[in-house]
Amino acid sequence: MTADLSTMPAAHRSPEAVSSLSPREVQVLAHIAAGYTHHQTSKRLNISQSSVETYLQRIRLKLDVPTRAHLIRAAVELGL
């Protein structure tokens, strides 16, 4: 079963969506969108992997995106 990316909610596309993210959430999202793993992101930002996962959960809630693929697409659309 493949995800239909065209059905992704539009809410994350607005500039307000980015402003709802904390600076650290933006950093984590940018690293994940750039292809870094959770472990690599944690090392580069000097935070625990658990923190990376927590930030990603919060980002998914704020941007209303269910999967990693949707999360990356949202990051690209937001210019991250």
PDB file of N, CA and C in Angstrom:
ATOM      1  N   MET A   1       0.836  -1.177   0.000  1.00  0.00           N
ATOM      2  CA  MET A   1       0.000   0.000   0.000  1.00  0.00           C
ATOM      3  C   MET A   1       0.884   1.244   0.000  1.00  0.00           C
ATOM      4  N   THR A   2       0.675   2.127  -0.924  1.00  0.00           N
ATOM      5  CA  THR A   2       1.475   3.344  -1.003  1.00  0.00           C
ATOM      6  C   THR A   2       0.654   4.534  -0.548  1.00  0.00           C
ATOM      7  N   ALA A   3       1.329   5.482   0.052  1.00  0.00           N
ATOM      8  CA  ALA A   3       0.664   6.695   0.503  1.00  0.00           C
ATOM      9  C   ALA A   3       0.432   7.620  -0.678  1.00  0.00           C
ATOM     10  N   ASP A   4      -0.744   8.192  -0.739  1.00  0.00           N
ATOM     11  CA  ASP A   4      -1.064   9.151  -1.785  1.00  0.00           C
ATOM     12  C   ASP A   4      -0.691  10.533  -1.261  1.00  0.00           C
ATOM     13  N   LEU A   5       0.452  11.035  -1.684  1.00  0.00           N
ATOM     14  CA  LEU A   5       0.946  12.317  -1.169  1.00  0.00           C
ATOM     15  C   LEU A   5       0.055  13.480  -1.560  1.00  0.00           C
ATOM     16  N   SER A   6      -0.772  13.304  -2.599  1.00  0.00           N
ATOM     17  CA  SER A   6      -1.656  14.398  -3.003  1.00  0.00           C
ATOM     18  C   SER A   6      -2.767  14.627  -1.987  1.00  0.00           C
ATOM     19  N   THR A   7      -2.975  13.668  -1.083  1.00  0.00           N
ATOM     20  CA  THR A   7      -4.023  13.820  -0.081  1.00  0.00           C
ATOM     21  C   THR A   7      -3.511  14.433   1.215  1.00  0.00           C
ATOM     22  N   MET A   8      -2.243  14.838   1.224  1.00  0.00           N
ATOM     23  CA  MET A   8      -1.663  15.427   2.420  1.00  0.00           C
ATOM     24  C   MET A   8      -2.388  16.729   2.757  1.00  0.00           C
ATOM     25  N   PRO A   9      -2.718  16.932   4.022  1.00  0.00           N
ATOM     26  CA  PRO A   9      -3.385  18.163   4.415  1.00  0.00           C
ATOM     27  C   PRO A   9      -2.616  19.403   3.986  1.00  0.00           C
ATOM     28  N   ALA A  10      -3.332  20.439   3.607  1.00  0.00           N
ATOM     29  CA  ALA A  10      -2.707  21.661   3.122  1.00  0.00           C
ATOM     30  C   ALA A  10      -2.246  22.576   4.258  1.00  0.00           C
ATOM     31  N   ALA A  11      -2.660  22.303   5.467  1.00  0.00           N
ATOM     32  CA  ALA A  11      -2.355  23.200   6.589  1.00  0.00           C
ATOM     33  C   ALA A  11      -0.868  23.446   6.753  1.00  0.00           C
ATOM     34  N   HIS A  12      -0.036  22.459   6.480  1.00  0.00           N
ATOM     35  CA  HIS A  12       1.407  22.606   6.697  1.00  0.00           C
ATOM     36  C   HIS A  12       2.047  23.519   5.662  1.00  0.00           C
ATOM     37  N   ARG A  13       1.349  23.830   4.588  1.00  0.00           N
ATOM     38  CA  ARG A  13       1.947  24.603   3.504  1.00  0.00           C
ATOM     39  C   ARG A  13       2.003  26.104   3.791  1.00  0.00           C
ATOM     40  N   SER A  14       1.297  26.538   4.784  1.00  0.00           N
ATOM     41  CA  SER A  14       1.222  27.976   5.045  1.00  0.00           C
ATOM     42  C   SER A  14       2.429  28.457   5.836  1.00  0.00           C
ATOM     43  N   PRO A  15       2.771  29.738   5.681  1.00  0.00           N
ATOM     44  CA  PRO A  15       3.873  30.300   6.475  1.00  0.00           C
ATOM     45  C   PRO A  15       3.610  30.194   7.971  1.00  0.00           C
ATOM     46  N   GLU A  16       2.325  30.212   8.357  1.00  0.00           N
ATOM     47  CA  GLU A  16       1.981  30.089   9.769  1.00  0.00           C
ATOM     48  C   GLU A  16       2.416  28.737  10.325  1.00  0.00           C
ATOM     49  N   ALA A  17       2.444  27.718   9.457  1.00  0.00           N
ATOM     50  CA  ALA A  17       2.855  26.392   9.896  1.00  0.00           C
ATOM     51  C   ALA A  17       4.298  26.415  10.382  1.00  0.00           C
ATOM     52  N   VAL A  18       5.170  27.086   9.649  1.00  0.00           N
ATOM     53  CA  VAL A  18       6.570  27.184  10.063  1.00  0.00           C
ATOM     54  C   VAL A  18       6.681  27.994  11.339  1.00  0.00           C
ATOM     55  N   SER A  19       5.929  29.057  11.440  1.00  0.00           N
ATOM     56  CA  SER A  19       6.036  29.896  12.637  1.00  0.00           C
ATOM     57  C   SER A  19       5.502  29.181  13.873  1.00  0.00           C
ATOM     58  N   SER A  20       4.704  28.118  13.690  1.00  0.00           N
ATOM     59  CA  SER A  20       4.217  27.361  14.839  1.00  0.00           C
ATOM     60  C   SER A  20       5.286  26.427  15.394  1.00  0.00           C
ATOM     61  N   LEU A  21       6.363  26.215  14.620  1.00  0.00           N
ATOM     62  CA  LEU A  21       7.446  25.340  15.053  1.00  0.00           C
ATOM     63  C   LEU A  21       8.473  26.127  15.854  1.00  0.00           C
ATOM     64  N   SER A  22       9.020  25.479  16.866  1.00  0.00           N
ATOM     65  CA  SER A  22      10.088  26.106  17.635  1.00  0.00           C
ATOM     66  C   SER A  22      11.362  26.102  16.789  1.00  0.00           C
ATOM     67  N   PRO A  23      12.334  26.950  17.131  1.00  0.00           N
ATOM     68  CA  PRO A  23      13.599  26.939  16.385  1.00  0.00           C
ATOM     69  C   PRO A  23      14.255  25.551  16.364  1.00  0.00           C
ATOM     70  N   ARG A  24      14.203  24.822  17.475  1.00  0.00           N
ATOM     71  CA  ARG A  24      14.803  23.485  17.514  1.00  0.00           C
ATOM     72  C   ARG A  24      14.015  22.517  16.629  1.00  0.00           C
ATOM     73  N   GLU A  25      12.701  22.636  16.603  1.00  0.00           N
ATOM     74  CA  GLU A  25      11.892  21.782  15.726  1.00  0.00           C
ATOM     75  C   GLU A  25      12.249  22.026  14.265  1.00  0.00           C
ATOM     76  N   VAL A  26      12.469  23.283  13.911  1.00  0.00           N
ATOM     77  CA  VAL A  26      12.871  23.606  12.540  1.00  0.00           C
ATOM     78  C   VAL A  26      14.224  22.972  12.231  1.00  0.00           C
ATOM     79  N   GLN A  27      15.159  23.048  13.172  1.00  0.00           N
ATOM     80  CA  GLN A  27      16.475  22.436  12.972  1.00  0.00           C
ATOM     81  C   GLN A  27      16.357  20.929  12.760  1.00  0.00           C
ATOM     82  N   VAL A  28      15.587  20.275  13.604  1.00  0.00           N
ATOM     83  CA  VAL A  28      15.426  18.823  13.498  1.00  0.00           C
ATOM     84  C   VAL A  28      14.768  18.477  12.167  1.00  0.00           C
ATOM     85  N   LEU A  29      13.718  19.179  11.812  1.00  0.00           N
ATOM     86  CA  LEU A  29      13.022  18.923  10.549  1.00  0.00           C
ATOM     87  C   LEU A  29      13.957  19.116   9.359  1.00  0.00           C
ATOM     88  N   ALA A  30      14.752  20.152   9.387  1.00  0.00           N
ATOM     89  CA  ALA A  30      15.689  20.410   8.285  1.00  0.00           C
ATOM     90  C   ALA A  30      16.714  19.278   8.163  1.00  0.00           C
ATOM     91  N   HIS A  31      17.204  18.782   9.278  1.00  0.00           N
ATOM     92  CA  HIS A  31      18.170  17.676   9.242  1.00  0.00           C
ATOM     93  C   HIS A  31      17.532  16.402   8.688  1.00  0.00           C
ATOM     94  N   ILE A  32      16.338  16.091   9.130  1.00  0.00           N
ATOM     95  CA  ILE A  32      15.654  14.892   8.656  1.00  0.00           C
ATOM     96  C   ILE A  32      15.356  15.024   7.162  1.00  0.00           C
ATOM     97  N   ALA A  33      14.919  16.194   6.739  1.00  0.00           N
ATOM     98  CA  ALA A  33      14.627  16.421   5.321  1.00  0.00           C
ATOM     99  C   ALA A  33      15.888  16.346   4.466  1.00  0.00           C
ATOM    100  N   ALA A  34      17.038  16.669   5.073  1.00  0.00           N
ATOM    101  CA  ALA A  34      18.310  16.601   4.351  1.00  0.00           C
ATOM    102  C   ALA A  34      18.834  15.163   4.265  1.00  0.00           C
ATOM    103  N   GLY A  35      18.132  14.240   4.919  1.00  0.00           N
ATOM    104  CA  GLY A  35      18.515  12.840   4.810  1.00  0.00           C
ATOM    105  C   GLY A  35      19.266  12.269   5.990  1.00  0.00           C
ATOM    106  N   TYR A  36      19.446  13.062   7.022  1.00  0.00           N
ATOM    107  CA  TYR A  36      20.139  12.556   8.208  1.00  0.00           C
ATOM    108  C   TYR A  36      19.229  11.612   8.991  1.00  0.00           C
ATOM    109  N   THR A  37      19.813  10.590   9.597  1.00  0.00           N
ATOM    110  CA  THR A  37      19.071   9.679  10.456  1.00  0.00           C
ATOM    111  C   THR A  37      18.814  10.357  11.801  1.00  0.00           C
ATOM    112  N   HIS A  38      18.002   9.710  12.623  1.00  0.00           N
ATOM    113  CA  HIS A  38      17.766  10.246  13.967  1.00  0.00           C
ATOM    114  C   HIS A  38      19.084  10.311  14.736  1.00  0.00           C
ATOM    115  N   HIS A  39      19.887   9.269  14.612  1.00  0.00           N
ATOM    116  CA  HIS A  39      21.176   9.230  15.311  1.00  0.00           C
ATOM    117  C   HIS A  39      22.098  10.356  14.830  1.00  0.00           C
ATOM    118  N   GLN A  40      22.210  10.530  13.520  1.00  0.00           N
ATOM    119  CA  GLN A  40      23.063  11.588  12.976  1.00  0.00           C
ATOM    120  C   GLN A  40      22.558  12.964  13.404  1.00  0.00           C
ATOM    121  N   THR A  41      21.253  13.140  13.377  1.00  0.00           N
ATOM    122  CA  THR A  41      20.667  14.416  13.794  1.00  0.00           C
ATOM    123  C   THR A  41      20.981  14.687  15.256  1.00  0.00           C
ATOM    124  N   SER A  42      20.848  13.668  16.083  1.00  0.00           N
ATOM    125  CA  SER A  42      21.127  13.863  17.514  1.00  0.00           C
ATOM    126  C   SER A  42      22.574  14.262  17.753  1.00  0.00           C
ATOM    127  N   LYS A  43      23.495  13.634  17.026  1.00  0.00           N
ATOM    128  CA  LYS A  43      24.912  13.963  17.183  1.00  0.00           C
ATOM    129  C   LYS A  43      25.214  15.377  16.685  1.00  0.00           C
ATOM    130  N   ARG A  44      24.647  15.732  15.538  1.00  0.00           N
ATOM    131  CA  ARG A  44      24.923  17.052  14.960  1.00  0.00           C
ATOM    132  C   ARG A  44      24.346  18.183  15.805  1.00  0.00           C
ATOM    133  N   LEU A  45      23.197  17.936  16.461  1.00  0.00           N
ATOM    134  CA  LEU A  45      22.557  18.978  17.266  1.00  0.00           C
ATOM    135  C   LEU A  45      22.875  18.851  18.754  1.00  0.00           C
ATOM    136  N   ASN A  46      23.686  17.825  19.088  1.00  0.00           N
ATOM    137  CA  ASN A  46      24.082  17.594  20.475  1.00  0.00           C
ATOM    138  C   ASN A  46      22.883  17.407  21.414  1.00  0.00           C
ATOM    139  N   ILE A  47      21.940  16.566  20.954  1.00  0.00           N
ATOM    140  CA  ILE A  47      20.775  16.202  21.756  1.00  0.00           C
ATOM    141  C   ILE A  47      20.626  14.684  21.676  1.00  0.00           C
ATOM    142  N   SER A  48      19.804  14.112  22.526  1.00  0.00           N
ATOM    143  CA  SER A  48      19.618  12.662  22.518  1.00  0.00           C
ATOM    144  C   SER A  48      18.700  12.236  21.364  1.00  0.00           C
ATOM    145  N   GLN A  49      18.807  10.960  21.002  1.00  0.00           N
ATOM    146  CA  GLN A  49      17.926  10.430  19.964  1.00  0.00           C
ATOM    147  C   GLN A  49      16.476  10.502  20.424  1.00  0.00           C
ATOM    148  N   SER A  50      16.261  10.308  21.696  1.00  0.00           N
ATOM    149  CA  SER A  50      14.919  10.406  22.263  1.00  0.00           C
ATOM    150  C   SER A  50      14.350  11.814  22.048  1.00  0.00           C
ATOM    151  N   SER A  51      15.200  12.819  22.208  1.00  0.00           N
ATOM    152  CA  SER A  51      14.759  14.203  21.968  1.00  0.00           C
ATOM    153  C   SER A  51      14.400  14.415  20.506  1.00  0.00           C
ATOM    154  N   VAL A  52      15.199  13.854  19.608  1.00  0.00           N
ATOM    155  CA  VAL A  52      14.903  13.963  18.175  1.00  0.00           C
ATOM    156  C   VAL A  52      13.532  13.362  17.903  1.00  0.00           C
ATOM    157  N   GLU A  53      13.270  12.191  18.450  1.00  0.00           N
ATOM    158  CA  GLU A  53      11.985  11.530  18.243  1.00  0.00           C
ATOM    159  C   GLU A  53      10.834  12.341  18.818  1.00  0.00           C
ATOM    160  N   THR A  54      11.053  12.942  19.983  1.00  0.00           N
ATOM    161  CA  THR A  54      10.022  13.785  20.592  1.00  0.00           C
ATOM    162  C   THR A  54       9.747  15.003  19.725  1.00  0.00           C
ATOM    163  N   TYR A  55      10.804  15.654  19.242  1.00  0.00           N
ATOM    164  CA  TYR A  55      10.612  16.806  18.355  1.00  0.00           C
ATOM    165  C   TYR A  55       9.845  16.403  17.104  1.00  0.00           C
ATOM    166  N   LEU A  56      10.172  15.260  16.534  1.00  0.00           N
ATOM    167  CA  LEU A  56       9.478  14.814  15.321  1.00  0.00           C
ATOM    168  C   LEU A  56       8.007  14.518  15.586  1.00  0.00           C
ATOM    169  N   GLN A  57       7.688  13.971  16.749  1.00  0.00           N
ATOM    170  CA  GLN A  57       6.285  13.743  17.109  1.00  0.00           C
ATOM    171  C   GLN A  57       5.536  15.075  17.196  1.00  0.00           C
ATOM    172  N   ARG A  58       6.160  16.050  17.821  1.00  0.00           N
ATOM    173  CA  ARG A  58       5.531  17.377  17.948  1.00  0.00           C
ATOM    174  C   ARG A  58       5.348  18.028  16.581  1.00  0.00           C
ATOM    175  N   ILE A  59       6.349  17.893  15.723  1.00  0.00           N
ATOM    176  CA  ILE A  59       6.266  18.470  14.382  1.00  0.00           C
ATOM    177  C   ILE A  59       5.131  17.819  13.607  1.00  0.00           C
ATOM    178  N   ARG A  60       5.039  16.497  13.686  1.00  0.00           N
ATOM    179  CA  ARG A  60       3.959  15.790  12.978  1.00  0.00           C
ATOM    180  C   ARG A  60       2.600  16.276  13.438  1.00  0.00           C
ATOM    181  N   LEU A  61       2.443  16.495  14.727  1.00  0.00           N
ATOM    182  CA  LEU A  61       1.169  16.996  15.248  1.00  0.00           C
ATOM    183  C   LEU A  61       0.887  18.409  14.751  1.00  0.00           C
ATOM    184  N   LYS A  62       1.890  19.273  14.837  1.00  0.00           N
ATOM    185  CA  LYS A  62       1.693  20.663  14.429  1.00  0.00           C
ATOM    186  C   LYS A  62       1.414  20.809  12.937  1.00  0.00           C
ATOM    187  N   LEU A  63       2.085  19.988  12.122  1.00  0.00           N
ATOM    188  CA  LEU A  63       1.919  20.089  10.674  1.00  0.00           C
ATOM    189  C   LEU A  63       0.867  19.120  10.138  1.00  0.00           C
ATOM    190  N   ASP A  64       0.326  18.297  11.008  1.00  0.00           N
ATOM    191  CA  ASP A  64      -0.708  17.331  10.643  1.00  0.00           C
ATOM    192  C   ASP A  64      -0.246  16.418   9.516  1.00  0.00           C
ATOM    193  N   VAL A  65       0.923  15.805   9.715  1.00  0.00           N
ATOM    194  CA  VAL A  65       1.461  14.872   8.722  1.00  0.00           C
ATOM    195  C   VAL A  65       1.697  13.516   9.398  1.00  0.00           C
ATOM    196  N   PRO A  66       1.205  12.432   8.798  1.00  0.00           N
ATOM    197  CA  PRO A  66       1.239  11.131   9.462  1.00  0.00           C
ATOM    198  C   PRO A  66       2.520  10.311   9.280  1.00  0.00           C
ATOM    199  N   THR A  67       3.258  10.519   8.218  1.00  0.00           N
ATOM    200  CA  THR A  67       4.399   9.655   7.936  1.00  0.00           C
ATOM    201  C   THR A  67       5.670  10.460   7.703  1.00  0.00           C
ATOM    202  N   ARG A  68       6.793   9.760   7.696  1.00  0.00           N
ATOM    203  CA  ARG A  68       8.081  10.398   7.423  1.00  0.00           C
ATOM    204  C   ARG A  68       8.101  10.994   6.015  1.00  0.00           C
ATOM    205  N   ALA A  69       7.520  10.290   5.062  1.00  0.00           N
ATOM    206  CA  ALA A  69       7.460  10.806   3.686  1.00  0.00           C
ATOM    207  C   ALA A  69       6.686  12.120   3.633  1.00  0.00           C
ATOM    208  N   HIS A  70       5.562  12.176   4.328  1.00  0.00           N
ATOM    209  CA  HIS A  70       4.780  13.413   4.377  1.00  0.00           C
ATOM    210  C   HIS A  70       5.566  14.521   5.080  1.00  0.00           C
ATOM    211  N   LEU A  71       6.278  14.127   6.120  1.00  0.00           N
ATOM    212  CA  LEU A  71       7.083  15.098   6.880  1.00  0.00           C
ATOM    213  C   LEU A  71       8.149  15.719   5.997  1.00  0.00           C
ATOM    214  N   ILE A  72       8.831  14.908   5.216  1.00  0.00           N
ATOM    215  CA  ILE A  72       9.877  15.408   4.328  1.00  0.00           C
ATOM    216  C   ILE A  72       9.281  16.276   3.231  1.00  0.00           C
ATOM    217  N   ARG A  73       8.144  15.844   2.694  1.00  0.00           N
ATOM    218  CA  ARG A  73       7.492  16.660   1.679  1.00  0.00           C
ATOM    219  C   ARG A  73       7.104  18.024   2.235  1.00  0.00           C
ATOM    220  N   ALA A  74       6.573  18.031   3.440  1.00  0.00           N
ATOM    221  CA  ALA A  74       6.208  19.290   4.094  1.00  0.00           C
ATOM    222  C   ALA A  74       7.436  20.184   4.255  1.00  0.00           C
ATOM    223  N   ALA A  75       8.547  19.601   4.669  1.00  0.00           N
ATOM    224  CA  ALA A  75       9.786  20.369   4.844  1.00  0.00           C
ATOM    225  C   ALA A  75      10.236  20.988   3.541  1.00  0.00           C
ATOM    226  N   VAL A  76      10.165  20.230   2.467  1.00  0.00           N
ATOM    227  CA  VAL A  76      10.559  20.740   1.157  1.00  0.00           C
ATOM    228  C   VAL A  76       9.632  21.875   0.731  1.00  0.00           C
ATOM    229  N   GLU A  77       8.340  21.678   0.902  1.00  0.00           N
ATOM    230  CA  GLU A  77       7.377  22.719   0.526  1.00  0.00           C
ATOM    231  C   GLU A  77       7.539  23.985   1.364  1.00  0.00           C
ATOM    232  N   LEU A  78       8.034  23.822   2.570  1.00  0.00           N
ATOM    233  CA  LEU A  78       8.247  24.979   3.439  1.00  0.00           C
ATOM    234  C   LEU A  78       9.610  25.625   3.236  1.00  0.00           C
ATOM    235  N   GLY A  79      10.381  25.069   2.332  1.00  0.00           N
ATOM    236  CA  GLY A  79      11.680  25.660   2.017  1.00  0.00           C
ATOM    237  C   GLY A  79      12.792  25.273   2.961  1.00  0.00           C
ATOM    238  N   LEU A  80      12.605  24.194   3.701  1.00  0.00           N
ATOM    239  CA  LEU A  80      13.638  23.764   4.636  1.00  0.00           C
ATOM    240  C   LEU A  80      14.555  22.774   3.963  1.00  0.00           C
TER     241      LEU A  80
END
